[in-house]
Amino acid sequence: MSDRIVDAVVSLWAAAVLTVLGAVLGIVVGGVPGVVIACILIGTAGVLAVSYVFLRIGLQEDRARAEEEAAREAAREAARERAEPAPRRRLSPPPRRRGD
Protein backbone atom coordinates (compact mmCIF):
# COMPACT_ATOMS: atom_id res chain seq x y z
CA MET A 1 0.00 0.00 0.00
CA SER A 2 2.76 2.45 0.84
CA ASP A 3 4.37 1.90 -2.57
CA ARG A 4 1.18 3.07 -4.23
CA ILE A 5 1.11 6.19 -2.06
CA VAL A 6 4.74 6.95 -2.93
CA ASP A 7 3.98 6.46 -6.64
CA ALA A 8 1.01 8.81 -6.40
CA VAL A 9 2.96 11.49 -4.59
CA VAL A 10 5.91 11.28 -6.99
CA SER A 11 3.67 11.39 -10.06
CA LEU A 12 1.58 14.28 -8.85
CA TRP A 13 4.63 16.19 -7.61
CA ALA A 14 6.24 15.75 -11.03
CA ALA A 15 3.16 17.26 -12.66
CA ALA A 16 3.10 20.11 -10.13
CA VAL A 17 6.82 20.84 -10.65
CA LEU A 18 6.36 20.93 -14.43
CA THR A 19 3.42 23.31 -14.04
CA VAL A 20 5.35 25.69 -11.78
CA LEU A 21 8.46 25.44 -13.97
CA GLY A 22 6.40 26.21 -17.07
CA ALA A 23 4.81 29.25 -15.43
CA VAL A 24 8.15 30.58 -14.14
CA LEU A 25 9.98 30.04 -17.43
CA GLY A 26 7.08 31.59 -19.32
CA ILE A 27 7.40 34.73 -17.22
CA VAL A 28 11.23 34.83 -17.19
CA VAL A 29 11.78 34.15 -20.90
CA GLY A 30 8.88 36.32 -22.02
CA GLY A 31 7.52 36.87 -25.48
CA VAL A 32 6.55 34.13 -27.87
CA PRO A 33 9.30 31.72 -26.76
CA GLY A 34 8.16 32.08 -23.15
CA VAL A 35 4.56 31.34 -24.09
CA VAL A 36 5.65 28.30 -26.13
CA ILE A 37 7.80 26.95 -23.27
CA ALA A 38 5.00 27.55 -20.76
CA CYS A 39 2.42 25.83 -22.97
CA ILE A 40 4.66 22.83 -23.56
CA LEU A 41 5.57 22.32 -19.89
CA ILE A 42 2.11 23.00 -18.49
CA GLY A 43 0.49 20.86 -21.19
CA THR A 44 2.91 18.01 -20.46
CA ALA A 45 2.10 18.28 -16.76
CA GLY A 46 -1.61 18.07 -17.50
CA VAL A 47 -1.17 15.04 -19.73
CA LEU A 48 0.97 13.31 -17.08
CA ALA A 49 -1.59 13.98 -14.35
CA VAL A 50 -4.55 12.77 -16.41
CA SER A 51 -2.60 9.73 -17.64
CA TYR A 52 -1.71 8.83 -14.08
CA VAL A 53 -5.35 9.03 -12.99
CA PHE A 54 -6.45 6.78 -15.86
CA LEU A 55 -3.64 4.34 -15.09
CA ARG A 56 -4.74 4.06 -11.46
CA ILE A 57 -8.37 3.53 -12.52
CA GLY A 58 -7.35 0.85 -15.01
CA LEU A 59 -5.20 -0.98 -12.48
CA GLN A 60 -8.04 -0.87 -9.96
CA GLU A 61 -10.44 -2.36 -12.53
CA ASP A 62 -7.93 -5.09 -13.42
CA ARG A 63 -7.53 -5.97 -9.74
CA ALA A 64 -11.32 -6.09 -9.24
CA ARG A 65 -11.77 -8.22 -12.36
CA ALA A 66 -9.11 -10.69 -11.17
CA GLU A 67 -10.79 -10.95 -7.75
CA GLU A 68 -14.18 -11.58 -9.39
CA GLU A 69 -12.69 -14.26 -11.62
CA ALA A 70 -11.05 -15.97 -8.63
CA ALA A 71 -14.37 -15.91 -6.75
CA ARG A 72 -16.20 -17.33 -9.78
CA GLU A 73 -13.61 -20.08 -10.15
CA ALA A 74 -13.90 -20.97 -6.45
CA ALA A 75 -17.70 -21.10 -6.76
CA ARG A 76 -17.41 -23.33 -9.85
CA GLU A 77 -15.03 -25.64 -8.02
CA ALA A 78 -17.34 -25.84 -4.99
CA ALA A 79 -20.33 -26.58 -7.23
CA ARG A 80 -18.34 -29.24 -9.06
CA GLU A 81 -17.41 -30.89 -5.76
CA ARG A 82 -21.04 -30.85 -4.60
CA ALA A 83 -22.34 -32.17 -7.92
CA GLU A 84 -19.94 -35.07 -8.31
CA PRO A 85 -20.29 -37.81 -5.75
CA ALA A 86 -17.10 -39.05 -4.24
CA PRO A 87 -15.68 -41.92 -6.24
CA ARG A 88 -16.72 -45.24 -4.76
CA ARG A 89 -13.97 -47.39 -3.53
CA ARG A 90 -14.02 -50.78 -5.11
CA LEU A 91 -13.74 -53.61 -2.72
CA SER A 92 -11.34 -56.35 -3.57
CA PRO A 93 -12.98 -59.59 -4.63
CA PRO A 94 -13.48 -62.15 -1.88
CA PRO A 95 -10.62 -64.59 -1.50
CA ARG A 96 -10.98 -67.71 -3.57
CA ARG A 97 -11.60 -70.90 -1.72
CA ARG A 98 -10.44 -74.27 -2.67
CA GLY A 99 -12.78 -75.89 -5.10
CA ASP A 100 -14.24 -72.71 -6.46
PDB file of N, CA and C in Angstrom:
ATOM      1  N   MET A   1       0.823  -1.187   0.000  1.00  0.00           N
ATOM      2  CA  MET A   1       0.000   0.000   0.000  1.00  0.00           C
ATOM      3  C   MET A   1       0.865   1.246   0.000  1.00  0.00           C
ATOM      4  N   SER A   2       1.930   1.264   0.763  1.00  0.00           N
ATOM      5  CA  SER A   2       2.758   2.453   0.840  1.00  0.00           C
ATOM      6  C   SER A   2       3.464   2.733  -0.482  1.00  0.00           C
ATOM      7  N   ASP A   3       3.763   1.686  -1.254  1.00  0.00           N
ATOM      8  CA  ASP A   3       4.374   1.898  -2.566  1.00  0.00           C
ATOM      9  C   ASP A   3       3.436   2.673  -3.479  1.00  0.00           C
ATOM     10  N   ARG A   4       2.148   2.356  -3.399  1.00  0.00           N
ATOM     11  CA  ARG A   4       1.179   3.070  -4.226  1.00  0.00           C
ATOM     12  C   ARG A   4       1.095   4.535  -3.827  1.00  0.00           C
ATOM     13  N   ILE A   5       1.169   4.798  -2.530  1.00  0.00           N
ATOM     14  CA  ILE A   5       1.113   6.186  -2.060  1.00  0.00           C
ATOM     15  C   ILE A   5       2.339   6.949  -2.542  1.00  0.00           C
ATOM     16  N   VAL A   6       3.502   6.311  -2.458  1.00  0.00           N
ATOM     17  CA  VAL A   6       4.738   6.947  -2.932  1.00  0.00           C
ATOM     18  C   VAL A   6       4.644   7.219  -4.426  1.00  0.00           C
ATOM     19  N   ASP A   7       4.142   6.250  -5.201  1.00  0.00           N
ATOM     20  CA  ASP A   7       3.979   6.461  -6.643  1.00  0.00           C
ATOM     21  C   ASP A   7       3.052   7.637  -6.933  1.00  0.00           C
ATOM     22  N   ALA A   8       1.959   7.723  -6.188  1.00  0.00           N
ATOM     23  CA  ALA A   8       1.007   8.810  -6.396  1.00  0.00           C
ATOM     24  C   ALA A   8       1.640  10.156  -6.081  1.00  0.00           C
ATOM     25  N   VAL A   9       2.338  10.226  -4.982  1.00  0.00           N
ATOM     26  CA  VAL A   9       2.958  11.490  -4.589  1.00  0.00           C
ATOM     27  C   VAL A   9       4.012  11.911  -5.602  1.00  0.00           C
ATOM     28  N   VAL A  10       4.848  10.962  -6.023  1.00  0.00           N
ATOM     29  CA  VAL A  10       5.906  11.284  -6.988  1.00  0.00           C
ATOM     30  C   VAL A  10       5.297  11.734  -8.312  1.00  0.00           C
ATOM     31  N   SER A  11       4.284  11.026  -8.783  1.00  0.00           N
ATOM     32  CA  SER A  11       3.673  11.390 -10.064  1.00  0.00           C
ATOM     33  C   SER A  11       3.002  12.755 -10.004  1.00  0.00           C
ATOM     34  N   LEU A  12       2.270  12.997  -8.947  1.00  0.00           N
ATOM     35  CA  LEU A  12       1.583  14.276  -8.852  1.00  0.00           C
ATOM     36  C   LEU A  12       2.555  15.415  -8.581  1.00  0.00           C
ATOM     37  N   TRP A  13       3.612  15.161  -7.823  1.00  0.00           N
ATOM     38  CA  TRP A  13       4.632  16.188  -7.615  1.00  0.00           C
ATOM     39  C   TRP A  13       5.338  16.523  -8.921  1.00  0.00           C
ATOM     40  N   ALA A  14       5.597  15.506  -9.739  1.00  0.00           N
ATOM     41  CA  ALA A  14       6.240  15.754 -11.031  1.00  0.00           C
ATOM     42  C   ALA A  14       5.363  16.666 -11.893  1.00  0.00           C
ATOM     43  N   ALA A  15       4.070  16.411 -11.901  1.00  0.00           N
ATOM     44  CA  ALA A  15       3.157  17.259 -12.662  1.00  0.00           C
ATOM     45  C   ALA A  15       3.129  18.672 -12.083  1.00  0.00           C
ATOM     46  N   ALA A  16       3.119  18.786 -10.762  1.00  0.00           N
ATOM     47  CA  ALA A  16       3.105  20.113 -10.131  1.00  0.00           C
ATOM     48  C   ALA A  16       4.392  20.876 -10.424  1.00  0.00           C
ATOM     49  N   VAL A  17       5.527  20.186 -10.363  1.00  0.00           N
ATOM     50  CA  VAL A  17       6.818  20.840 -10.649  1.00  0.00           C
ATOM     51  C   VAL A  17       6.857  21.331 -12.093  1.00  0.00           C
ATOM     52  N   LEU A  18       6.380  20.490 -13.025  1.00  0.00           N
ATOM     53  CA  LEU A  18       6.364  20.931 -14.425  1.00  0.00           C
ATOM     54  C   LEU A  18       5.455  22.136 -14.624  1.00  0.00           C
ATOM     55  N   THR A  19       4.335  22.171 -13.923  1.00  0.00           N
ATOM     56  CA  THR A  19       3.424  23.309 -14.038  1.00  0.00           C
ATOM     57  C   THR A  19       4.088  24.591 -13.534  1.00  0.00           C
ATOM     58  N   VAL A  20       4.687  24.515 -12.354  1.00  0.00           N
ATOM     59  CA  VAL A  20       5.351  25.691 -11.782  1.00  0.00           C
ATOM     60  C   VAL A  20       6.525  26.116 -12.654  1.00  0.00           C
ATOM     61  N   LEU A  21       7.322  25.135 -13.110  1.00  0.00           N
ATOM     62  CA  LEU A  21       8.460  25.441 -13.974  1.00  0.00           C
ATOM     63  C   LEU A  21       8.010  26.102 -15.268  1.00  0.00           C
ATOM     64  N   GLY A  22       6.927  25.605 -15.844  1.00  0.00           N
ATOM     65  CA  GLY A  22       6.401  26.215 -17.065  1.00  0.00           C
ATOM     66  C   GLY A  22       5.955  27.642 -16.841  1.00  0.00           C
ATOM     67  N   ALA A  23       5.272  27.886 -15.717  1.00  0.00           N
ATOM     68  CA  ALA A  23       4.812  29.248 -15.427  1.00  0.00           C
ATOM     69  C   ALA A  23       5.999  30.186 -15.198  1.00  0.00           C
ATOM     70  N   VAL A  24       6.979  29.731 -14.432  1.00  0.00           N
ATOM     71  CA  VAL A  24       8.147  30.575 -14.141  1.00  0.00           C
ATOM     72  C   VAL A  24       8.936  30.862 -15.412  1.00  0.00           C
ATOM     73  N   LEU A  25       9.214  29.831 -16.190  1.00  0.00           N
ATOM     74  CA  LEU A  25       9.977  30.042 -17.431  1.00  0.00           C
ATOM     75  C   LEU A  25       9.209  30.904 -18.420  1.00  0.00           C
ATOM     76  N   GLY A  26       7.878  30.745 -18.441  1.00  0.00           N
ATOM     77  CA  GLY A  26       7.080  31.588 -19.321  1.00  0.00           C
ATOM     78  C   GLY A  26       7.215  33.056 -18.962  1.00  0.00           C
ATOM     79  N   ILE A  27       7.261  33.349 -17.661  1.00  0.00           N
ATOM     80  CA  ILE A  27       7.404  34.734 -17.217  1.00  0.00           C
ATOM     81  C   ILE A  27       8.829  35.234 -17.446  1.00  0.00           C
ATOM     82  N   VAL A  28       9.826  34.398 -17.099  1.00  0.00           N
ATOM     83  CA  VAL A  28      11.229  34.826 -17.190  1.00  0.00           C
ATOM     84  C   VAL A  28      11.652  35.019 -18.641  1.00  0.00           C
ATOM     85  N   VAL A  29      11.336  34.060 -19.496  1.00  0.00           N
ATOM     86  CA  VAL A  29      11.778  34.152 -20.897  1.00  0.00           C
ATOM     87  C   VAL A  29      10.998  35.245 -21.614  1.00  0.00           C
ATOM     88  N   GLY A  30       9.696  35.275 -21.414  1.00  0.00           N
ATOM     89  CA  GLY A  30       8.877  36.321 -22.019  1.00  0.00           C
ATOM     90  C   GLY A  30       8.699  36.160 -23.519  1.00  0.00           C
ATOM     91  N   GLY A  31       7.777  36.891 -24.045  1.00  0.00           N
ATOM     92  CA  GLY A  31       7.516  36.874 -25.483  1.00  0.00           C
ATOM     93  C   GLY A  31       6.944  35.550 -25.954  1.00  0.00           C
ATOM     94  N   VAL A  32       7.072  35.359 -27.255  1.00  0.00           N
ATOM     95  CA  VAL A  32       6.546  34.131 -27.874  1.00  0.00           C
ATOM     96  C   VAL A  32       7.290  32.896 -27.373  1.00  0.00           C
ATOM     97  N   PRO A  33       8.623  32.917 -27.273  1.00  0.00           N
ATOM     98  CA  PRO A  33       9.305  31.716 -26.762  1.00  0.00           C
ATOM     99  C   PRO A  33       8.861  31.351 -25.345  1.00  0.00           C
ATOM    100  N   GLY A  34       8.628  32.343 -24.508  1.00  0.00           N
ATOM    101  CA  GLY A  34       8.161  32.078 -23.149  1.00  0.00           C
ATOM    102  C   GLY A  34       6.790  31.422 -23.129  1.00  0.00           C
ATOM    103  N   VAL A  35       5.909  31.923 -23.999  1.00  0.00           N
ATOM    104  CA  VAL A  35       4.564  31.339 -24.092  1.00  0.00           C
ATOM    105  C   VAL A  35       4.644  29.907 -24.595  1.00  0.00           C
ATOM    106  N   VAL A  36       5.498  29.650 -25.572  1.00  0.00           N
ATOM    107  CA  VAL A  36       5.651  28.296 -26.125  1.00  0.00           C
ATOM    108  C   VAL A  36       6.186  27.352 -25.051  1.00  0.00           C
ATOM    109  N   ILE A  37       7.226  27.785 -24.335  1.00  0.00           N
ATOM    110  CA  ILE A  37       7.805  26.952 -23.271  1.00  0.00           C
ATOM    111  C   ILE A  37       6.761  26.685 -22.189  1.00  0.00           C
ATOM    112  N   ALA A  38       6.030  27.721 -21.794  1.00  0.00           N
ATOM    113  CA  ALA A  38       5.005  27.554 -20.761  1.00  0.00           C
ATOM    114  C   ALA A  38       3.921  26.584 -21.229  1.00  0.00           C
ATOM    115  N   CYS A  39       3.469  26.723 -22.454  1.00  0.00           N
ATOM    116  CA  CYS A  39       2.424  25.831 -22.974  1.00  0.00           C
ATOM    117  C   CYS A  39       2.900  24.380 -23.022  1.00  0.00           C
ATOM    118  N   ILE A  40       4.132  24.186 -23.467  1.00  0.00           N
ATOM    119  CA  ILE A  40       4.665  22.826 -23.562  1.00  0.00           C
ATOM    120  C   ILE A  40       4.768  22.188 -22.178  1.00  0.00           C
ATOM    121  N   LEU A  41       5.367  22.899 -21.222  1.00  0.00           N
ATOM    122  CA  LEU A  41       5.574  22.318 -19.892  1.00  0.00           C
ATOM    123  C   LEU A  41       4.257  22.129 -19.135  1.00  0.00           C
ATOM    124  N   ILE A  42       3.391  23.113 -19.189  1.00  0.00           N
ATOM    125  CA  ILE A  42       2.109  22.998 -18.485  1.00  0.00           C
ATOM    126  C   ILE A  42       1.230  21.939 -19.156  1.00  0.00           C
ATOM    127  N   GLY A  43       1.249  21.889 -20.475  1.00  0.00           N
ATOM    128  CA  GLY A  43       0.495  20.859 -21.187  1.00  0.00           C
ATOM    129  C   GLY A  43       0.997  19.458 -20.870  1.00  0.00           C
ATOM    130  N   THR A  44       2.326  19.309 -20.814  1.00  0.00           N
ATOM    131  CA  THR A  44       2.909  18.013 -20.464  1.00  0.00           C
ATOM    132  C   THR A  44       2.510  17.615 -19.049  1.00  0.00           C
ATOM    133  N   ALA A  45       2.511  18.565 -18.138  1.00  0.00           N
ATOM    134  CA  ALA A  45       2.102  18.281 -16.761  1.00  0.00           C
ATOM    135  C   ALA A  45       0.650  17.821 -16.710  1.00  0.00           C
ATOM    136  N   GLY A  46      -0.202  18.473 -17.462  1.00  0.00           N
ATOM    137  CA  GLY A  46      -1.610  18.066 -17.505  1.00  0.00           C
ATOM    138  C   GLY A  46      -1.796  16.675 -18.067  1.00  0.00           C
ATOM    139  N   VAL A  47      -1.079  16.380 -19.139  1.00  0.00           N
ATOM    140  CA  VAL A  47      -1.167  15.042 -19.735  1.00  0.00           C
ATOM    141  C   VAL A  47      -0.664  13.986 -18.754  1.00  0.00           C
ATOM    142  N   LEU A  48       0.441  14.266 -18.064  1.00  0.00           N
ATOM    143  CA  LEU A  48       0.968  13.313 -17.081  1.00  0.00           C
ATOM    144  C   LEU A  48      -0.029  13.073 -15.952  1.00  0.00           C
ATOM    145  N   ALA A  49      -0.638  14.125 -15.453  1.00  0.00           N
ATOM    146  CA  ALA A  49      -1.588  13.975 -14.349  1.00  0.00           C
ATOM    147  C   ALA A  49      -2.811  13.170 -14.776  1.00  0.00           C
ATOM    148  N   VAL A  50      -3.371  13.488 -15.932  1.00  0.00           N
ATOM    149  CA  VAL A  50      -4.549  12.767 -16.413  1.00  0.00           C
ATOM    150  C   VAL A  50      -4.196  11.319 -16.735  1.00  0.00           C
ATOM    151  N   SER A  51      -3.038  11.098 -17.327  1.00  0.00           N
ATOM    152  CA  SER A  51      -2.602   9.732 -17.636  1.00  0.00           C
ATOM    153  C   SER A  51      -2.434   8.914 -16.368  1.00  0.00           C
ATOM    154  N   TYR A  52      -1.889   9.528 -15.343  1.00  0.00           N
ATOM    155  CA  TYR A  52      -1.706   8.825 -14.078  1.00  0.00           C
ATOM    156  C   TYR A  52      -3.058   8.433 -13.477  1.00  0.00           C
ATOM    157  N   VAL A  53      -4.023   9.337 -13.532  1.00  0.00           N
ATOM    158  CA  VAL A  53      -5.353   9.030 -12.991  1.00  0.00           C
ATOM    159  C   VAL A  53      -5.968   7.865 -13.754  1.00  0.00           C
ATOM    160  N   PHE A  54      -5.893   7.879 -15.080  1.00  0.00           N
ATOM    161  CA  PHE A  54      -6.452   6.784 -15.865  1.00  0.00           C
ATOM    162  C   PHE A  54      -5.704   5.474 -15.616  1.00  0.00           C
ATOM    163  N   LEU A  55      -4.404   5.541 -15.419  1.00  0.00           N
ATOM    164  CA  LEU A  55      -3.637   4.342 -15.093  1.00  0.00           C
ATOM    165  C   LEU A  55      -4.116   3.742 -13.785  1.00  0.00           C
ATOM    166  N   ARG A  56      -4.285   4.570 -12.762  1.00  0.00           N
ATOM    167  CA  ARG A  56      -4.738   4.061 -11.463  1.00  0.00           C
ATOM    168  C   ARG A  56      -6.130   3.446 -11.575  1.00  0.00           C
ATOM    169  N   ILE A  57      -7.019   4.075 -12.337  1.00  0.00           N
ATOM    170  CA  ILE A  57      -8.366   3.531 -12.517  1.00  0.00           C
ATOM    171  C   ILE A  57      -8.298   2.188 -13.234  1.00  0.00           C
ATOM    172  N   GLY A  58      -7.482   2.105 -14.276  1.00  0.00           N
ATOM    173  CA  GLY A  58      -7.350   0.849 -15.011  1.00  0.00           C
ATOM    174  C   GLY A  58      -6.779  -0.270 -14.164  1.00  0.00           C
ATOM    175  N   LEU A  59      -5.767   0.034 -13.356  1.00  0.00           N
ATOM    176  CA  LEU A  59      -5.201  -0.984 -12.481  1.00  0.00           C
ATOM    177  C   LEU A  59      -6.216  -1.444 -11.441  1.00  0.00           C
ATOM    178  N   GLN A  60      -7.001  -0.523 -10.933  1.00  0.00           N
ATOM    179  CA  GLN A  60      -8.043  -0.871  -9.963  1.00  0.00           C
ATOM    180  C   GLN A  60      -9.072  -1.801 -10.604  1.00  0.00           C
ATOM    181  N   GLU A  61      -9.478  -1.507 -11.842  1.00  0.00           N
ATOM    182  CA  GLU A  61     -10.438  -2.360 -12.535  1.00  0.00           C
ATOM    183  C   GLU A  61      -9.844  -3.735 -12.809  1.00  0.00           C
ATOM    184  N   ASP A  62      -8.583  -3.795 -13.192  1.00  0.00           N
ATOM    185  CA  ASP A  62      -7.934  -5.091 -13.420  1.00  0.00           C
ATOM    186  C   ASP A  62      -7.904  -5.917 -12.145  1.00  0.00           C
ATOM    187  N   ARG A  63      -7.573  -5.277 -11.021  1.00  0.00           N
ATOM    188  CA  ARG A  63      -7.534  -5.973  -9.738  1.00  0.00           C
ATOM    189  C   ARG A  63      -8.922  -6.503  -9.375  1.00  0.00           C
ATOM    190  N   ALA A  64      -9.952  -5.674  -9.563  1.00  0.00           N
ATOM    191  CA  ALA A  64     -11.318  -6.090  -9.242  1.00  0.00           C
ATOM    192  C   ALA A  64     -11.757  -7.235 -10.142  1.00  0.00           C
ATOM    193  N   ARG A  65     -11.408  -7.157 -11.425  1.00  0.00           N
ATOM    194  CA  ARG A  65     -11.766  -8.219 -12.363  1.00  0.00           C
ATOM    195  C   ARG A  65     -11.089  -9.531 -11.987  1.00  0.00           C
ATOM    196  N   ALA A  66      -9.834  -9.474 -11.568  1.00  0.00           N
ATOM    197  CA  ALA A  66      -9.114 -10.690 -11.167  1.00  0.00           C
ATOM    198  C   ALA A  66      -9.737 -11.300  -9.911  1.00  0.00           C
ATOM    199  N   GLU A  67     -10.138 -10.450  -8.964  1.00  0.00           N
ATOM    200  CA  GLU A  67     -10.787 -10.952  -7.751  1.00  0.00           C
ATOM    201  C   GLU A  67     -12.123 -11.606  -8.089  1.00  0.00           C
ATOM    202  N   GLU A  68     -12.896 -10.993  -8.980  1.00  0.00           N
ATOM    203  CA  GLU A  68     -14.175 -11.579  -9.385  1.00  0.00           C
ATOM    204  C   GLU A  68     -13.962 -12.922 -10.063  1.00  0.00           C
ATOM    205  N   GLU A  69     -12.966 -13.011 -10.924  1.00  0.00           N
ATOM    206  CA  GLU A  69     -12.686 -14.260 -11.625  1.00  0.00           C
ATOM    207  C   GLU A  69     -12.272 -15.349 -10.638  1.00  0.00           C
ATOM    208  N   ALA A  70     -11.462 -14.994  -9.639  1.00  0.00           N
ATOM    209  CA  ALA A  70     -11.055 -15.973  -8.627  1.00  0.00           C
ATOM    210  C   ALA A  70     -12.261 -16.446  -7.821  1.00  0.00           C
ATOM    211  N   ALA A  71     -13.166 -15.529  -7.492  1.00  0.00           N
ATOM    212  CA  ALA A  71     -14.367 -15.910  -6.750  1.00  0.00           C
ATOM    213  C   ALA A  71     -15.258 -16.810  -7.602  1.00  0.00           C
ATOM    214  N   ARG A  72     -15.397 -16.484  -8.890  1.00  0.00           N
ATOM    215  CA  ARG A  72     -16.198 -17.328  -9.782  1.00  0.00           C
ATOM    216  C   ARG A  72     -15.601 -18.723  -9.903  1.00  0.00           C
ATOM    217  N   GLU A  73     -14.280 -18.787 -10.026  1.00  0.00           N
ATOM    218  CA  GLU A  73     -13.609 -20.082 -10.148  1.00  0.00           C
ATOM    219  C   GLU A  73     -13.783 -20.904  -8.877  1.00  0.00           C
ATOM    220  N   ALA A  74     -13.700 -20.257  -7.715  1.00  0.00           N
ATOM    221  CA  ALA A  74     -13.900 -20.966  -6.452  1.00  0.00           C
ATOM    222  C   ALA A  74     -15.336 -21.479  -6.346  1.00  0.00           C
ATOM    223  N   ALA A  75     -16.301 -20.672  -6.787  1.00  0.00           N
ATOM    224  CA  ALA A  75     -17.699 -21.097  -6.760  1.00  0.00           C
ATOM    225  C   ALA A  75     -17.921 -22.269  -7.713  1.00  0.00           C
ATOM    226  N   ARG A  76     -17.299 -22.210  -8.907  1.00  0.00           N
ATOM    227  CA  ARG A  76     -17.414 -23.329  -9.851  1.00  0.00           C
ATOM    228  C   ARG A  76     -16.832 -24.604  -9.261  1.00  0.00           C
ATOM    229  N   GLU A  77     -15.681 -24.476  -8.618  1.00  0.00           N
ATOM    230  CA  GLU A  77     -15.028 -25.637  -8.016  1.00  0.00           C
ATOM    231  C   GLU A  77     -15.888 -26.229  -6.904  1.00  0.00           C
ATOM    232  N   ALA A  78     -16.478 -25.367  -6.072  1.00  0.00           N
ATOM    233  CA  ALA A  78     -17.337 -25.843  -4.987  1.00  0.00           C
ATOM    234  C   ALA A  78     -18.576 -26.535  -5.551  1.00  0.00           C
ATOM    235  N   ALA A  79     -19.153 -25.962  -6.608  1.00  0.00           N
ATOM    236  CA  ALA A  79     -20.327 -26.579  -7.231  1.00  0.00           C
ATOM    237  C   ALA A  79     -19.958 -27.917  -7.851  1.00  0.00           C
ATOM    238  N   ARG A  80     -18.791 -27.995  -8.452  1.00  0.00           N
ATOM    239  CA  ARG A  80     -18.336 -29.239  -9.056  1.00  0.00           C
ATOM    240  C   ARG A  80     -18.153 -30.319  -7.986  1.00  0.00           C
ATOM    241  N   GLU A  81     -17.607 -29.930  -6.844  1.00  0.00           N
ATOM    242  CA  GLU A  81     -17.410 -30.894  -5.761  1.00  0.00           C
ATOM    243  C   GLU A  81     -18.742 -31.362  -5.192  1.00  0.00           C
ATOM    244  N   ARG A  82     -19.725 -30.455  -5.109  1.00  0.00           N
ATOM    245  CA  ARG A  82     -21.043 -30.853  -4.600  1.00  0.00           C
ATOM    246  C   ARG A  82     -21.766 -31.723  -5.610  1.00  0.00           C
ATOM    247  N   ALA A  83     -21.591 -31.456  -6.893  1.00  0.00           N
ATOM    248  CA  ALA A  83     -22.338 -32.174  -7.917  1.00  0.00           C
ATOM    249  C   ALA A  83     -21.797 -33.580  -8.146  1.00  0.00           C
ATOM    250  N   GLU A  84     -20.527 -33.767  -8.063  1.00  0.00           N
ATOM    251  CA  GLU A  84     -19.939 -35.074  -8.313  1.00  0.00           C
ATOM    252  C   GLU A  84     -19.836 -35.846  -7.010  1.00  0.00           C
ATOM    253  N   PRO A  85     -20.449 -37.016  -6.961  1.00  0.00           N
ATOM    254  CA  PRO A  85     -20.287 -37.813  -5.746  1.00  0.00           C
ATOM    255  C   PRO A  85     -18.842 -38.297  -5.639  1.00  0.00           C
ATOM    256  N   ALA A  86     -18.457 -38.566  -4.441  1.00  0.00           N
ATOM    257  CA  ALA A  86     -17.097 -39.050  -4.239  1.00  0.00           C
ATOM    258  C   ALA A  86     -16.959 -40.399  -4.938  1.00  0.00           C
ATOM    259  N   PRO A  87     -15.832 -40.640  -5.556  1.00  0.00           N
ATOM    260  CA  PRO A  87     -15.677 -41.923  -6.239  1.00  0.00           C
ATOM    261  C   PRO A  87     -15.791 -43.063  -5.234  1.00  0.00           C
ATOM    262  N   ARG A  88     -16.530 -44.098  -5.649  1.00  0.00           N
ATOM    263  CA  ARG A  88     -16.719 -45.238  -4.759  1.00  0.00           C
ATOM    264  C   ARG A  88     -15.483 -46.098  -4.787  1.00  0.00           C
ATOM    265  N   ARG A  89     -15.144 -46.533  -3.637  1.00  0.00           N
ATOM    266  CA  ARG A  89     -13.965 -47.386  -3.529  1.00  0.00           C
ATOM    267  C   ARG A  89     -14.390 -48.811  -3.832  1.00  0.00           C
ATOM    268  N   ARG A  90     -13.690 -49.396  -4.742  1.00  0.00           N
ATOM    269  CA  ARG A  90     -14.025 -50.778  -5.105  1.00  0.00           C
ATOM    270  C   ARG A  90     -13.416 -51.724  -4.083  1.00  0.00           C
ATOM    271  N   LEU A  91     -14.237 -52.606  -3.659  1.00  0.00           N
ATOM    272  CA  LEU A  91     -13.744 -53.607  -2.722  1.00  0.00           C
ATOM    273  C   LEU A  91     -13.028 -54.695  -3.497  1.00  0.00           C
ATOM    274  N   SER A  92     -12.039 -55.260  -2.888  1.00  0.00           N
ATOM    275  CA  SER A  92     -11.337 -56.349  -3.568  1.00  0.00           C
ATOM    276  C   SER A  92     -12.253 -57.588  -3.569  1.00  0.00           C
ATOM    277  N   PRO A  93     -12.112 -58.410  -4.573  1.00  0.00           N
ATOM    278  CA  PRO A  93     -12.976 -59.589  -4.629  1.00  0.00           C
ATOM    279  C   PRO A  93     -12.699 -60.514  -3.422  1.00  0.00           C
ATOM    280  N   PRO A  94     -13.693 -61.264  -3.032  1.00  0.00           N
ATOM    281  CA  PRO A  94     -13.476 -62.146  -1.881  1.00  0.00           C
ATOM    282  C   PRO A  94     -12.374 -63.175  -2.210  1.00  0.00           C
ATOM    283  N   PRO A  95     -11.673 -63.619  -1.211  1.00  0.00           N
ATOM    284  CA  PRO A  95     -10.625 -64.592  -1.501  1.00  0.00           C
ATOM    285  C   PRO A  95     -11.219 -65.887  -2.064  1.00  0.00           C
ATOM    286  N   ARG A  96     -10.507 -66.476  -2.950  1.00  0.00           N
ATOM    287  CA  ARG A  96     -10.979 -67.714  -3.575  1.00  0.00           C
ATOM    288  C   ARG A  96     -10.755 -68.880  -2.633  1.00  0.00           C
ATOM    289  N   ARG A  97     -11.741 -69.701  -2.566  1.00  0.00           N
ATOM    290  CA  ARG A  97     -11.604 -70.897  -1.723  1.00  0.00           C
ATOM    291  C   ARG A  97     -11.283 -72.086  -2.592  1.00  0.00           C
ATOM    292  N   ARG A  98     -10.765 -73.045  -1.953  1.00  0.00           N
ATOM    293  CA  ARG A  98     -10.442 -74.271  -2.672  1.00  0.00           C
ATOM    294  C   ARG A  98     -11.708 -74.898  -3.226  1.00  0.00           C
ATOM    295  N   GLY A  99     -11.641 -75.262  -4.451  1.00  0.00           N
ATOM    296  CA  GLY A  99     -12.779 -75.893  -5.097  1.00  0.00           C
ATOM    297  C   GLY A  99     -13.662 -74.905  -5.839  1.00  0.00           C
ATOM    298  N   ASP A 100     -13.420 -73.674  -5.716  1.00  0.00           N
ATOM    299  CA  ASP A 100     -14.245 -72.707  -6.464  1.00  0.00           C
ATOM    300  C   ASP A 100     -13.754 -72.561  -7.858  1.00  0.00           C
TER     301      ASP A 100
END
